[in-house]
Amino acid sequence: QRKQEKERQAMVASVEVGDSILTTSGFYGVIIDMTDDVVIVE
């Protein structure tokens, strides 16, 4: 479980503007802007 959590944190830390994402609620979107802990998804 700790290993899986580290992999998830690395994935979240690697997101960039323009990446396509899937959210916990099942929505697909594209990141258009981001700050330290908030992303704006289109």
PDB file of all heavy atoms in Angstrom:
ATOM      1  N   GLN A   1       0.830  -1.200   0.000  1.00  0.00           N
ATOM      2  CA  GLN A   1       0.000   0.000   0.000  1.00  0.00           C
ATOM      3  C   GLN A   1       0.867   1.254   0.000  1.00  0.00           C
ATOM      4  O   GLN A   1       0.563   2.222  -0.700  1.00  0.00           O
ATOM      5  CB  GLN A   1      -0.917  -0.005   1.213  1.00  0.00           C
ATOM      6  CG  GLN A   1      -1.875   1.154   1.245  1.00  0.00           C
ATOM      7  CD  GLN A   1      -2.793   1.099   2.454  1.00  0.00           C
ATOM      8  OE1 GLN A   1      -2.632   0.264   3.343  1.00  0.00           O
ATOM      9  NE2 GLN A   1      -3.756   1.987   2.488  1.00  0.00           N
ATOM     10  N   ARG A   2       1.946   1.256   0.751  1.00  0.00           N
ATOM     11  CA  ARG A   2       2.850   2.408   0.762  1.00  0.00           C
ATOM     12  C   ARG A   2       3.513   2.594  -0.603  1.00  0.00           C
ATOM     13  O   ARG A   2       3.683   3.718  -1.065  1.00  0.00           O
ATOM     14  CB  ARG A   2       3.918   2.242   1.840  1.00  0.00           C
ATOM     15  CG  ARG A   2       3.394   2.468   3.216  1.00  0.00           C
ATOM     16  CD  ARG A   2       4.489   2.430   4.236  1.00  0.00           C
ATOM     17  NE  ARG A   2       3.959   2.642   5.575  1.00  0.00           N
ATOM     18  CZ  ARG A   2       4.661   2.487   6.664  1.00  0.00           C
ATOM     19  NH1 ARG A   2       5.923   2.120   6.595  1.00  0.00           N
ATOM     20  NH2 ARG A   2       4.111   2.703   7.830  1.00  0.00           N
ATOM     21  N   LYS A   3       3.898   1.499  -1.241  1.00  0.00           N
ATOM     22  CA  LYS A   3       4.514   1.576  -2.565  1.00  0.00           C
ATOM     23  C   LYS A   3       3.524   2.154  -3.578  1.00  0.00           C
ATOM     24  O   LYS A   3       3.874   3.015  -4.387  1.00  0.00           O
ATOM     25  CB  LYS A   3       4.974   0.185  -3.003  1.00  0.00           C
ATOM     26  CG  LYS A   3       5.659   0.169  -4.342  1.00  0.00           C
ATOM     27  CD  LYS A   3       6.091  -1.226  -4.719  1.00  0.00           C
ATOM     28  CE  LYS A   3       6.708  -1.239  -6.092  1.00  0.00           C
ATOM     29  NZ  LYS A   3       7.050  -2.593  -6.529  1.00  0.00           N
ATOM     30  N   GLN A   4       2.284   1.700  -3.522  1.00  0.00           N
ATOM     31  CA  GLN A   4       1.254   2.196  -4.436  1.00  0.00           C
ATOM     32  C   GLN A   4       0.997   3.685  -4.199  1.00  0.00           C
ATOM     33  O   GLN A   4       0.823   4.444  -5.153  1.00  0.00           O
ATOM     34  CB  GLN A   4      -0.029   1.397  -4.234  1.00  0.00           C
ATOM     35  CG  GLN A   4      -1.125   1.737  -5.206  1.00  0.00           C
ATOM     36  CD  GLN A   4      -2.356   0.895  -4.975  1.00  0.00           C
ATOM     37  OE1 GLN A   4      -2.581   0.352  -3.891  1.00  0.00           O
ATOM     38  NE2 GLN A   4      -3.184   0.780  -5.991  1.00  0.00           N
ATOM     39  N   GLU A   5       0.991   4.116  -2.959  1.00  0.00           N
ATOM     40  CA  GLU A   5       0.768   5.523  -2.650  1.00  0.00           C
ATOM     41  C   GLU A   5       1.917   6.390  -3.158  1.00  0.00           C
ATOM     42  O   GLU A   5       1.702   7.487  -3.667  1.00  0.00           O
ATOM     43  CB  GLU A   5       0.577   5.717  -1.146  1.00  0.00           C
ATOM     44  CG  GLU A   5       0.272   7.135  -0.742  1.00  0.00           C
ATOM     45  CD  GLU A   5      -1.000   7.698  -1.345  1.00  0.00           C
ATOM     46  OE1 GLU A   5      -1.926   6.932  -1.658  1.00  0.00           O
ATOM     47  OE2 GLU A   5      -1.056   8.924  -1.533  1.00  0.00           O
ATOM     48  N   LYS A   6       3.155   5.906  -3.056  1.00  0.00           N
ATOM     49  CA  LYS A   6       4.305   6.647  -3.588  1.00  0.00           C
ATOM     50  C   LYS A   6       4.201   6.789  -5.098  1.00  0.00           C
ATOM     51  O   LYS A   6       4.488   7.853  -5.655  1.00  0.00           O
ATOM     52  CB  LYS A   6       5.610   5.951  -3.224  1.00  0.00           C
ATOM     53  CG  LYS A   6       6.054   6.183  -1.817  1.00  0.00           C
ATOM     54  CD  LYS A   6       7.403   5.547  -1.557  1.00  0.00           C
ATOM     55  CE  LYS A   6       7.847   5.763  -0.129  1.00  0.00           C
ATOM     56  NZ  LYS A   6       9.159   5.140   0.136  1.00  0.00           N
ATOM     57  N   GLU A   7       3.791   5.719  -5.792  1.00  0.00           N
ATOM     58  CA  GLU A   7       3.624   5.788  -7.249  1.00  0.00           C
ATOM     59  C   GLU A   7       2.536   6.789  -7.621  1.00  0.00           C
ATOM     60  O   GLU A   7       2.673   7.544  -8.574  1.00  0.00           O
ATOM     61  CB  GLU A   7       3.277   4.404  -7.796  1.00  0.00           C
ATOM     62  CG  GLU A   7       4.412   3.423  -7.730  1.00  0.00           C
ATOM     63  CD  GLU A   7       3.995   2.010  -8.101  1.00  0.00           C
ATOM     64  OE1 GLU A   7       2.785   1.767  -8.334  1.00  0.00           O
ATOM     65  OE2 GLU A   7       4.883   1.141  -8.148  1.00  0.00           O
ATOM     66  N   ARG A   8       1.445   6.810  -6.862  1.00  0.00           N
ATOM     67  CA  ARG A   8       0.347   7.748  -7.139  1.00  0.00           C
ATOM     68  C   ARG A   8       0.802   9.185  -6.919  1.00  0.00           C
ATOM     69  O   ARG A   8       0.491  10.066  -7.710  1.00  0.00           O
ATOM     70  CB  ARG A   8      -0.829   7.415  -6.231  1.00  0.00           C
ATOM     71  CG  ARG A   8      -2.010   8.325  -6.418  1.00  0.00           C
ATOM     72  CD  ARG A   8      -3.217   7.871  -5.670  1.00  0.00           C
ATOM     73  NE  ARG A   8      -4.184   8.850  -5.313  1.00  0.00           N
ATOM     74  CZ  ARG A   8      -4.571   9.914  -5.986  1.00  0.00           C
ATOM     75  NH1 ARG A   8      -4.029  10.198  -7.123  1.00  0.00           N
ATOM     76  NH2 ARG A   8      -5.498  10.726  -5.556  1.00  0.00           N
ATOM     77  N   GLN A   9       1.555   9.449  -5.844  1.00  0.00           N
ATOM     78  CA  GLN A   9       2.055  10.788  -5.592  1.00  0.00           C
ATOM     79  C   GLN A   9       3.010  11.241  -6.683  1.00  0.00           C
ATOM     80  O   GLN A   9       2.985  12.402  -7.090  1.00  0.00           O
ATOM     81  CB  GLN A   9       2.746  10.842  -4.226  1.00  0.00           C
ATOM     82  CG  GLN A   9       1.795  10.775  -3.068  1.00  0.00           C
ATOM     83  CD  GLN A   9       2.507  10.713  -1.728  1.00  0.00           C
ATOM     84  OE1 GLN A   9       3.716  10.544  -1.658  1.00  0.00           O
ATOM     85  NE2 GLN A   9       1.739  10.832  -0.650  1.00  0.00           N
ATOM     86  N   ALA A  10       3.828  10.334  -7.194  1.00  0.00           N
ATOM     87  CA  ALA A  10       4.748  10.675  -8.283  1.00  0.00           C
ATOM     88  C   ALA A  10       3.967  11.003  -9.549  1.00  0.00           C
ATOM     89  O   ALA A  10       4.312  11.937 -10.281  1.00  0.00           O
ATOM     90  CB  ALA A  10       5.720   9.537  -8.532  1.00  0.00           C
ATOM     91  N   MET A  11       2.896  10.251  -9.823  1.00  0.00           N
ATOM     92  CA  MET A  11       2.071  10.509 -11.007  1.00  0.00           C
ATOM     93  C   MET A  11       1.413  11.883 -10.900  1.00  0.00           C
ATOM     94  O   MET A  11       1.433  12.665 -11.851  1.00  0.00           O
ATOM     95  CB  MET A  11       1.000   9.428 -11.165  1.00  0.00           C
ATOM     96  CG  MET A  11       0.086   9.684 -12.335  1.00  0.00           C
ATOM     97  SD  MET A  11      -1.578   9.012 -12.213  1.00  0.00           S
ATOM     98  CE  MET A  11      -2.148   9.477 -10.628  1.00  0.00           C
ATOM     99  N   VAL A  12       0.851  12.205  -9.741  1.00  0.00           N
ATOM    100  CA  VAL A  12       0.177  13.490  -9.551  1.00  0.00           C
ATOM    101  C   VAL A  12       1.190  14.635  -9.637  1.00  0.00           C
ATOM    102  O   VAL A  12       0.894  15.690 -10.197  1.00  0.00           O
ATOM    103  CB  VAL A  12      -0.593  13.501  -8.212  1.00  0.00           C
ATOM    104  CG1 VAL A  12      -1.070  14.894  -7.871  1.00  0.00           C
ATOM    105  CG2 VAL A  12      -1.769  12.545  -8.270  1.00  0.00           C
ATOM    106  N   ALA A  13       2.390  14.426  -9.133  1.00  0.00           N
ATOM    107  CA  ALA A  13       3.411  15.475  -9.178  1.00  0.00           C
ATOM    108  C   ALA A  13       3.917  15.713 -10.597  1.00  0.00           C
ATOM    109  O   ALA A  13       4.431  16.788 -10.900  1.00  0.00           O
ATOM    110  CB  ALA A  13       4.579  15.104  -8.272  1.00  0.00           C
ATOM    111  N   SER A  14       3.754  14.732 -11.486  1.00  0.00           N
ATOM    112  CA  SER A  14       4.281  14.865 -12.840  1.00  0.00           C
ATOM    113  C   SER A  14       3.296  15.468 -13.838  1.00  0.00           C
ATOM    114  O   SER A  14       3.636  15.616 -15.010  1.00  0.00           O
ATOM    115  CB  SER A  14       4.738  13.500 -13.356  1.00  0.00           C
ATOM    116  OG  SER A  14       3.620  12.680 -13.636  1.00  0.00           O
ATOM    117  N   VAL A  15       2.085  15.807 -13.407  1.00  0.00           N
ATOM    118  CA  VAL A  15       1.113  16.359 -14.354  1.00  0.00           C
ATOM    119  C   VAL A  15       1.565  17.730 -14.841  1.00  0.00           C
ATOM    120  O   VAL A  15       2.181  18.495 -14.103  1.00  0.00           O
ATOM    121  CB  VAL A  15      -0.317  16.436 -13.762  1.00  0.00           C
ATOM    122  CG1 VAL A  15      -0.847  15.068 -13.457  1.00  0.00           C
ATOM    123  CG2 VAL A  15      -0.379  17.336 -12.578  1.00  0.00           C
ATOM    124  N   GLU A  16       1.247  18.008 -16.098  1.00  0.00           N
ATOM    125  CA  GLU A  16       1.604  19.279 -16.730  1.00  0.00           C
ATOM    126  C   GLU A  16       0.408  19.815 -17.498  1.00  0.00           C
ATOM    127  O   GLU A  16      -0.542  19.080 -17.778  1.00  0.00           O
ATOM    128  CB  GLU A  16       2.768  19.069 -17.704  1.00  0.00           C
ATOM    129  CG  GLU A  16       4.026  18.538 -17.063  1.00  0.00           C
ATOM    130  CD  GLU A  16       5.080  18.160 -18.093  1.00  0.00           C
ATOM    131  OE1 GLU A  16       4.724  17.962 -19.284  1.00  0.00           O
ATOM    132  OE2 GLU A  16       6.245  18.050 -17.705  1.00  0.00           O
ATOM    133  N   VAL A  17       0.478  21.073 -17.851  1.00  0.00           N
ATOM    134  CA  VAL A  17      -0.576  21.685 -18.661  1.00  0.00           C
ATOM    135  C   VAL A  17      -0.626  20.962 -20.005  1.00  0.00           C
ATOM    136  O   VAL A  17       0.400  20.700 -20.624  1.00  0.00           O
ATOM    137  CB  VAL A  17      -0.306  23.190 -18.847  1.00  0.00           C
ATOM    138  CG1 VAL A  17      -1.304  23.798 -19.824  1.00  0.00           C
ATOM    139  CG2 VAL A  17      -0.365  23.912 -17.512  1.00  0.00           C
ATOM    140  N   GLY A  18      -1.824  20.595 -20.432  1.00  0.00           N
ATOM    141  CA  GLY A  18      -2.019  19.897 -21.693  1.00  0.00           C
ATOM    142  C   GLY A  18      -2.229  18.399 -21.534  1.00  0.00           C
ATOM    143  O   GLY A  18      -2.644  17.720 -22.470  1.00  0.00           O
ATOM    144  N   ASP A  19      -1.958  17.857 -20.350  1.00  0.00           N
ATOM    145  CA  ASP A  19      -2.153  16.424 -20.110  1.00  0.00           C
ATOM    146  C   ASP A  19      -3.635  16.097 -20.020  1.00  0.00           C
ATOM    147  O   ASP A  19      -4.426  16.866 -19.475  1.00  0.00           O
ATOM    148  CB  ASP A  19      -1.477  15.990 -18.811  1.00  0.00           C
ATOM    149  CG  ASP A  19       0.037  16.012 -18.887  1.00  0.00           C
ATOM    150  OD1 ASP A  19       0.568  16.146 -20.004  1.00  0.00           O
ATOM    151  OD2 ASP A  19       0.677  15.886 -17.829  1.00  0.00           O
ATOM    152  N   SER A  20      -4.008  14.942 -20.541  1.00  0.00           N
ATOM    153  CA  SER A  20      -5.370  14.439 -20.388  1.00  0.00           C
ATOM    154  C   SER A  20      -5.433  13.645 -19.100  1.00  0.00           C
ATOM    155  O   SER A  20      -4.533  12.864 -18.799  1.00  0.00           O
ATOM    156  CB  SER A  20      -5.743  13.530 -21.559  1.00  0.00           C
ATOM    157  OG  SER A  20      -5.742  14.259 -22.764  1.00  0.00           O
ATOM    158  N   ILE A  21      -6.507  13.839 -18.338  1.00  0.00           N
ATOM    159  CA  ILE A  21      -6.624  13.176 -17.043  1.00  0.00           C
ATOM    160  C   ILE A  21      -7.982  12.506 -16.891  1.00  0.00           C
ATOM    161  O   ILE A  21      -8.935  12.828 -17.611  1.00  0.00           O
ATOM    162  CB  ILE A  21      -6.408  14.156 -15.871  1.00  0.00           C
ATOM    163  CG1 ILE A  21      -7.498  15.231 -15.862  1.00  0.00           C
ATOM    164  CG2 ILE A  21      -5.024  14.757 -15.909  1.00  0.00           C
ATOM    165  CD1 ILE A  21      -7.581  16.003 -14.557  1.00  0.00           C
ATOM    166  N   LEU A  22      -8.042  11.583 -15.942  1.00  0.00           N
ATOM    167  CA  LEU A  22      -9.286  10.982 -15.492  1.00  0.00           C
ATOM    168  C   LEU A  22      -9.411  11.330 -14.017  1.00  0.00           C
ATOM    169  O   LEU A  22      -8.459  11.164 -13.252  1.00  0.00           O
ATOM    170  CB  LEU A  22      -9.257   9.458 -15.667  1.00  0.00           C
ATOM    171  CG  LEU A  22     -10.416   8.668 -15.082  1.00  0.00           C
ATOM    172  CD1 LEU A  22     -11.723   9.029 -15.782  1.00  0.00           C
ATOM    173  CD2 LEU A  22     -10.154   7.179 -15.185  1.00  0.00           C
ATOM    174  N   THR A  23     -10.579  11.824 -13.601  1.00  0.00           N
ATOM    175  CA  THR A  23     -10.773  12.227 -12.208  1.00  0.00           C
ATOM    176  C   THR A  23     -11.393  11.087 -11.404  1.00  0.00           C
ATOM    177  O   THR A  23     -11.869  10.101 -11.963  1.00  0.00           O
ATOM    178  CB  THR A  23     -11.685  13.464 -12.114  1.00  0.00           C
ATOM    179  OG1 THR A  23     -12.992  13.107 -12.564  1.00  0.00           O
ATOM    180  CG2 THR A  23     -11.146  14.609 -12.931  1.00  0.00           C
ATOM    181  N   THR A  24     -11.411  11.240 -10.087  1.00  0.00           N
ATOM    182  CA  THR A  24     -12.003  10.228  -9.217  1.00  0.00           C
ATOM    183  C   THR A  24     -13.491  10.055  -9.475  1.00  0.00           C
ATOM    184  O   THR A  24     -14.050   9.004  -9.201  1.00  0.00           O
ATOM    185  CB  THR A  24     -11.793  10.584  -7.734  1.00  0.00           C
ATOM    186  OG1 THR A  24     -12.295  11.892  -7.505  1.00  0.00           O
ATOM    187  CG2 THR A  24     -10.346  10.500  -7.350  1.00  0.00           C
ATOM    188  N   SER A  25     -14.145  11.073 -10.010  1.00  0.00           N
ATOM    189  CA  SER A  25     -15.574  10.977 -10.303  1.00  0.00           C
ATOM    190  C   SER A  25     -15.855  10.426 -11.693  1.00  0.00           C
ATOM    191  O   SER A  25     -17.008  10.307 -12.082  1.00  0.00           O
ATOM    192  CB  SER A  25     -16.235  12.343 -10.131  1.00  0.00           C
ATOM    193  OG  SER A  25     -15.592  13.298 -10.939  1.00  0.00           O
ATOM    194  N   GLY A  26     -14.804  10.092 -12.446  1.00  0.00           N
ATOM    195  CA  GLY A  26     -14.987   9.453 -13.744  1.00  0.00           C
ATOM    196  C   GLY A  26     -15.023  10.394 -14.933  1.00  0.00           C
ATOM    197  O   GLY A  26     -15.364   9.989 -16.033  1.00  0.00           O
ATOM    198  N   PHE A  27     -14.689  11.652 -14.743  1.00  0.00           N
ATOM    199  CA  PHE A  27     -14.693  12.615 -15.841  1.00  0.00           C
ATOM    200  C   PHE A  27     -13.321  12.679 -16.498  1.00  0.00           C
ATOM    201  O   PHE A  27     -12.300  12.687 -15.815  1.00  0.00           O
ATOM    202  CB  PHE A  27     -15.066  14.020 -15.336  1.00  0.00           C
ATOM    203  CG  PHE A  27     -16.486  14.140 -14.883  1.00  0.00           C
ATOM    204  CD1 PHE A  27     -16.790  14.291 -13.540  1.00  0.00           C
ATOM    205  CD2 PHE A  27     -17.521  14.097 -15.793  1.00  0.00           C
ATOM    206  CE1 PHE A  27     -18.087  14.399 -13.106  1.00  0.00           C
ATOM    207  CE2 PHE A  27     -18.828  14.210 -15.376  1.00  0.00           C
ATOM    208  CZ  PHE A  27     -19.121  14.354 -14.031  1.00  0.00           C
ATOM    209  N   TYR A  28     -13.322  12.748 -17.823  1.00  0.00           N
ATOM    210  CA  TYR A  28     -12.089  12.944 -18.585  1.00  0.00           C
ATOM    211  C   TYR A  28     -11.969  14.416 -18.929  1.00  0.00           C
ATOM    212  O   TYR A  28     -12.951  15.060 -19.268  1.00  0.00           O
ATOM    213  CB  TYR A  28     -12.120  12.136 -19.892  1.00  0.00           C
ATOM    214  CG  TYR A  28     -12.010  10.652 -19.684  1.00  0.00           C
ATOM    215  CD1 TYR A  28     -13.139   9.850 -19.586  1.00  0.00           C
ATOM    216  CD2 TYR A  28     -10.761  10.047 -19.588  1.00  0.00           C
ATOM    217  CE1 TYR A  28     -13.037   8.492 -19.393  1.00  0.00           C
ATOM    218  CE2 TYR A  28     -10.641   8.683 -19.396  1.00  0.00           C
ATOM    219  CZ  TYR A  28     -11.788   7.913 -19.300  1.00  0.00           C
ATOM    220  OH  TYR A  28     -11.675   6.559 -19.105  1.00  0.00           O
ATOM    221  N   GLY A  29     -10.753  14.951 -18.842  1.00  0.00           N
ATOM    222  CA  GLY A  29     -10.548  16.342 -19.159  1.00  0.00           C
ATOM    223  C   GLY A  29      -9.099  16.627 -19.486  1.00  0.00           C
ATOM    224  O   GLY A  29      -8.246  15.735 -19.465  1.00  0.00           O
ATOM    225  N   VAL A  30      -8.821  17.883 -19.806  1.00  0.00           N
ATOM    226  CA  VAL A  30      -7.470  18.332 -20.157  1.00  0.00           C
ATOM    227  C   VAL A  30      -7.094  19.456 -19.199  1.00  0.00           C
ATOM    228  O   VAL A  30      -7.878  20.380 -18.963  1.00  0.00           O
ATOM    229  CB  VAL A  30      -7.418  18.838 -21.617  1.00  0.00           C
ATOM    230  CG1 VAL A  30      -6.045  19.375 -21.952  1.00  0.00           C
ATOM    231  CG2 VAL A  30      -7.808  17.720 -22.571  1.00  0.00           C
ATOM    232  N   ILE A  31      -5.899  19.391 -18.657  1.00  0.00           N
ATOM    233  CA  ILE A  31      -5.424  20.425 -17.744  1.00  0.00           C
ATOM    234  C   ILE A  31      -5.057  21.660 -18.556  1.00  0.00           C
ATOM    235  O   ILE A  31      -4.271  21.577 -19.499  1.00  0.00           O
ATOM    236  CB  ILE A  31      -4.205  19.941 -16.950  1.00  0.00           C
ATOM    237  CG1 ILE A  31      -4.591  18.759 -16.072  1.00  0.00           C
ATOM    238  CG2 ILE A  31      -3.619  21.070 -16.109  1.00  0.00           C
ATOM    239  CD1 ILE A  31      -3.445  18.137 -15.322  1.00  0.00           C
ATOM    240  N   ILE A  32      -5.638  22.809 -18.182  1.00  0.00           N
ATOM    241  CA  ILE A  32      -5.326  24.040 -18.912  1.00  0.00           C
ATOM    242  C   ILE A  32      -4.529  25.021 -18.068  1.00  0.00           C
ATOM    243  O   ILE A  32      -3.924  25.948 -18.602  1.00  0.00           O
ATOM    244  CB  ILE A  32      -6.599  24.721 -19.458  1.00  0.00           C
ATOM    245  CG1 ILE A  32      -7.567  25.032 -18.329  1.00  0.00           C
ATOM    246  CG2 ILE A  32      -7.247  23.856 -20.508  1.00  0.00           C
ATOM    247  CD1 ILE A  32      -8.705  25.932 -18.758  1.00  0.00           C
ATOM    248  N   ASP A  33      -4.540  24.838 -16.734  1.00  0.00           N
ATOM    249  CA  ASP A  33      -3.757  25.699 -15.852  1.00  0.00           C
ATOM    250  C   ASP A  33      -3.584  24.961 -14.530  1.00  0.00           C
ATOM    251  O   ASP A  33      -4.385  24.082 -14.193  1.00  0.00           O
ATOM    252  CB  ASP A  33      -4.468  27.033 -15.625  1.00  0.00           C
ATOM    253  CG  ASP A  33      -3.564  28.086 -14.991  1.00  0.00           C
ATOM    254  OD1 ASP A  33      -2.334  27.898 -15.006  1.00  0.00           O
ATOM    255  OD2 ASP A  33      -4.091  29.089 -14.477  1.00  0.00           O
ATOM    256  N   MET A  34      -2.533  25.320 -13.790  1.00  0.00           N
ATOM    257  CA  MET A  34      -2.325  24.650 -12.512  1.00  0.00           C
ATOM    258  C   MET A  34      -1.524  25.510 -11.554  1.00  0.00           C
ATOM    259  O   MET A  34      -0.760  26.380 -11.981  1.00  0.00           O
ATOM    260  CB  MET A  34      -1.658  23.295 -12.708  1.00  0.00           C
ATOM    261  CG  MET A  34      -0.337  23.309 -13.430  1.00  0.00           C
ATOM    262  SD  MET A  34       0.243  21.674 -13.894  1.00  0.00           S
ATOM    263  CE  MET A  34       0.654  20.981 -12.331  1.00  0.00           C
ATOM    264  N   THR A  35      -1.760  25.286 -10.265  1.00  0.00           N
ATOM    265  CA  THR A  35      -0.962  25.891  -9.201  1.00  0.00           C
ATOM    266  C   THR A  35      -0.362  24.735  -8.397  1.00  0.00           C
ATOM    267  O   THR A  35      -0.340  23.604  -8.874  1.00  0.00           O
ATOM    268  CB  THR A  35      -1.825  26.801  -8.311  1.00  0.00           C
ATOM    269  OG1 THR A  35      -2.852  26.019  -7.704  1.00  0.00           O
ATOM    270  CG2 THR A  35      -2.437  27.935  -9.104  1.00  0.00           C
ATOM    271  N   ASP A  36       0.078  25.004  -7.177  1.00  0.00           N
ATOM    272  CA  ASP A  36       0.719  23.963  -6.377  1.00  0.00           C
ATOM    273  C   ASP A  36      -0.164  22.747  -6.135  1.00  0.00           C
ATOM    274  O   ASP A  36       0.257  21.617  -6.328  1.00  0.00           O
ATOM    275  CB  ASP A  36       1.182  24.528  -5.036  1.00  0.00           C
ATOM    276  CG  ASP A  36       2.356  25.472  -5.197  1.00  0.00           C
ATOM    277  OD1 ASP A  36       3.069  25.367  -6.217  1.00  0.00           O
ATOM    278  OD2 ASP A  36       2.549  26.317  -4.301  1.00  0.00           O
ATOM    279  N   ASP A  37      -1.408  22.967  -5.694  1.00  0.00           N
ATOM    280  CA  ASP A  37      -2.267  21.829  -5.386  1.00  0.00           C
ATOM    281  C   ASP A  37      -3.620  21.856  -6.087  1.00  0.00           C
ATOM    282  O   ASP A  37      -4.463  21.013  -5.833  1.00  0.00           O
ATOM    283  CB  ASP A  37      -2.471  21.724  -3.870  1.00  0.00           C
ATOM    284  CG  ASP A  37      -3.154  22.945  -3.281  1.00  0.00           C
ATOM    285  OD1 ASP A  37      -3.128  23.992  -3.933  1.00  0.00           O
ATOM    286  OD2 ASP A  37      -3.709  22.840  -2.171  1.00  0.00           O
ATOM    287  N   VAL A  38      -3.834  22.806  -6.984  1.00  0.00           N
ATOM    288  CA  VAL A  38      -5.091  22.918  -7.719  1.00  0.00           C
ATOM    289  C   VAL A  38      -4.814  22.943  -9.213  1.00  0.00           C
ATOM    290  O   VAL A  38      -3.875  23.589  -9.674  1.00  0.00           O
ATOM    291  CB  VAL A  38      -5.855  24.203  -7.305  1.00  0.00           C
ATOM    292  CG1 VAL A  38      -7.114  24.380  -8.126  1.00  0.00           C
ATOM    293  CG2 VAL A  38      -6.183  24.177  -5.823  1.00  0.00           C
ATOM    294  N   VAL A  39      -5.634  22.205  -9.970  1.00  0.00           N
ATOM    295  CA  VAL A  39      -5.550  22.240 -11.430  1.00  0.00           C
ATOM    296  C   VAL A  39      -6.887  22.738 -11.969  1.00  0.00           C
ATOM    297  O   VAL A  39      -7.928  22.522 -11.364  1.00  0.00           O
ATOM    298  CB  VAL A  39      -5.228  20.854 -12.030  1.00  0.00           C
ATOM    299  CG1 VAL A  39      -3.839  20.411 -11.658  1.00  0.00           C
ATOM    300  CG2 VAL A  39      -6.233  19.817 -11.621  1.00  0.00           C
ATOM    301  N   ILE A  40      -6.841  23.426 -13.090  1.00  0.00           N
ATOM    302  CA  ILE A  40      -8.066  23.830 -13.776  1.00  0.00           C
ATOM    303  C   ILE A  40      -8.197  22.908 -14.976  1.00  0.00           C
ATOM    304  O   ILE A  40      -7.299  22.831 -15.822  1.00  0.00           O
ATOM    305  CB  ILE A  40      -8.029  25.305 -14.191  1.00  0.00           C
ATOM    306  CG1 ILE A  40      -7.929  26.179 -12.938  1.00  0.00           C
ATOM    307  CG2 ILE A  40      -9.281  25.653 -14.998  1.00  0.00           C
ATOM    308  CD1 ILE A  40      -7.828  27.651 -13.196  1.00  0.00           C
ATOM    309  N   VAL A  41      -9.317  22.191 -15.021  1.00  0.00           N
ATOM    310  CA  VAL A  41      -9.531  21.158 -16.020  1.00  0.00           C
ATOM    311  C   VAL A  41     -10.661  21.578 -16.942  1.00  0.00           C
ATOM    312  O   VAL A  41     -11.706  22.059 -16.502  1.00  0.00           O
ATOM    313  CB  VAL A  41      -9.864  19.804 -15.343  1.00  0.00           C
ATOM    314  CG1 VAL A  41     -10.020  18.720 -16.376  1.00  0.00           C
ATOM    315  CG2 VAL A  41      -8.797  19.430 -14.334  1.00  0.00           C
ATOM    316  N   GLU A  42     -10.443  21.382 -18.232  1.00  0.00           N
ATOM    317  CA  GLU A  42     -11.451  21.667 -19.249  1.00  0.00           C
ATOM    318  C   GLU A  42     -12.074  20.342 -19.661  1.00  0.00           C
ATOM    319  O   GLU A  42     -11.372  19.416 -20.059  1.00  0.00           O
ATOM    320  CB  GLU A  42     -10.779  22.349 -20.436  1.00  0.00           C
ATOM    321  CG  GLU A  42     -11.722  22.818 -21.519  1.00  0.00           C
ATOM    322  CD  GLU A  42     -10.966  23.595 -22.566  1.00  0.00           C
ATOM    323  OE1 GLU A  42     -10.315  22.960 -23.406  1.00  0.00           O
ATOM    324  OE2 GLU A  42     -11.014  24.826 -22.520  1.00  0.00           O
TER     325      GLU A  42
END
